[in-house]
C-alpha cells in the first residue's frame, strides 16, 4: 500500500482544504495510460471523494484516492514532499 510521509500529508491537506472543497476531499491518483503497457503513467487531480473501487489512504487527516491500476503500481512506494 502506498505510504504518505507527514510532509506529503501536509501538502495534500494544503491542496485539498480550500473553503469550497467538500469534507473528505483529497487527491486522486489514476492511470493515464490507455493500455497497461505503461503502468507508471499516472495523473493526479483534486477530487471531492473517492471513485468507485478506489483504494482510500488517510494519513494525518489527508486523503489520497488510488484508482485500482494506480494502486497496484504504487503498492510498494512512498509519497513524500519537500516544502
Protein backbone atom coordinates (compact mmCIF):
# COMPACT_ATOMS: atom_id res chain seq x y z
CA UNK A 1 0.00 0.00 0.00
CA UNK A 2 1.22 3.50 -0.81
CA UNK A 3 2.62 5.23 2.28
CA UNK A 4 2.40 9.00 2.80
CA UNK A 5 5.02 10.80 4.83
CA UNK A 6 3.97 13.56 7.22
CA UNK A 7 5.31 16.16 4.77
CA UNK A 8 3.25 14.67 1.93
CA UNK A 9 0.15 14.61 4.13
CA UNK A 10 0.60 18.32 4.90
CA UNK A 11 0.89 19.16 1.20
CA UNK A 12 -2.17 17.08 0.33
CA UNK A 13 -4.17 18.85 3.05
CA UNK A 14 -2.96 22.26 1.86
CA UNK A 15 -4.07 21.49 -1.70
CA UNK A 16 -7.43 19.98 -0.82
CA UNK A 17 -8.62 22.04 2.15
CA UNK A 18 -9.95 25.10 0.36
CA UNK A 19 -13.15 26.73 1.63
CA UNK A 20 -15.02 25.43 -1.44
CA UNK A 21 -13.88 21.82 -1.02
CA UNK A 22 -16.38 19.38 0.49
CA UNK A 23 -15.42 17.36 3.56
CA UNK A 24 -13.44 14.31 2.55
CA UNK A 25 -11.78 15.96 -0.43
CA UNK A 26 -8.43 14.56 -1.42
CA UNK A 27 -6.04 13.82 -4.23
CA UNK A 28 -6.92 11.09 -6.70
CA UNK A 29 -4.15 9.24 -8.49
CA UNK A 30 -5.22 7.33 -11.59
CA UNK A 31 -3.58 5.64 -14.52
CA UNK A 32 -3.41 7.93 -17.53
CA UNK A 33 -2.33 5.20 -19.95
CA UNK A 34 -4.94 3.76 -22.25
CA UNK A 35 -3.21 0.39 -22.05
CA UNK A 36 -1.40 -1.45 -19.31
CA UNK A 37 1.81 -1.06 -21.34
CA UNK A 38 2.87 1.95 -19.25
CA UNK A 39 1.64 1.38 -15.68
CA UNK A 40 3.72 4.31 -14.40
CA UNK A 41 1.83 6.88 -16.47
CA UNK A 42 -0.23 8.50 -13.73
CA UNK A 43 -2.30 11.63 -13.32
CA UNK A 44 -3.07 13.44 -10.08
CA UNK A 45 -6.21 15.51 -9.61
CA UNK A 46 -8.07 17.08 -6.72
CA UNK A 47 -11.24 15.07 -6.03
CA UNK A 48 -14.29 15.61 -3.82
CA UNK A 49 -14.11 11.96 -2.78
CA UNK A 50 -13.04 8.52 -3.93
CA UNK A 51 -14.20 6.98 -7.17
CA UNK A 52 -15.88 3.61 -7.23
CA UNK A 53 -13.35 0.86 -6.40
CA UNK A 54 -10.68 3.40 -5.34
CA UNK A 55 -8.32 2.44 -2.55
CA UNK A 56 -8.56 5.07 0.19
CA UNK A 57 -5.46 6.15 2.08
CA UNK A 58 -5.78 8.50 5.04
CA UNK A 59 -2.74 9.85 6.83
CA UNK A 60 -2.84 12.66 9.40
CA UNK A 61 -6.16 13.92 8.00
CA UNK A 62 -5.02 13.84 4.35
CA UNK A 63 -6.97 11.74 1.87
CA UNK A 64 -5.49 10.09 -1.21
CA UNK A 65 -7.66 8.01 -3.53
CA UNK A 66 -6.00 5.43 -5.76
CA UNK A 67 -7.66 4.05 -8.85
CA UNK A 68 -7.10 0.25 -8.89
CA UNK A 69 -4.38 0.23 -11.60
CA UNK A 70 -2.55 3.09 -9.90
CA UNK A 71 -2.88 1.33 -6.53
CA UNK A 72 -1.27 -1.79 -7.95
CA UNK A 73 1.63 0.23 -9.40
CA UNK A 74 2.13 2.28 -6.20
CA UNK A 75 1.75 -0.68 -3.81
CA UNK A 76 5.37 -0.58 -2.61
CA UNK A 77 6.00 3.19 -2.95
CA UNK A 78 6.29 6.11 -0.54
CA UNK A 79 4.83 9.54 -1.38
CA UNK A 80 6.96 12.33 0.05
CA UNK A 81 7.04 16.08 -0.45
CA UNK A 82 9.55 18.81 0.12
CA UNK A 83 8.12 22.12 1.27
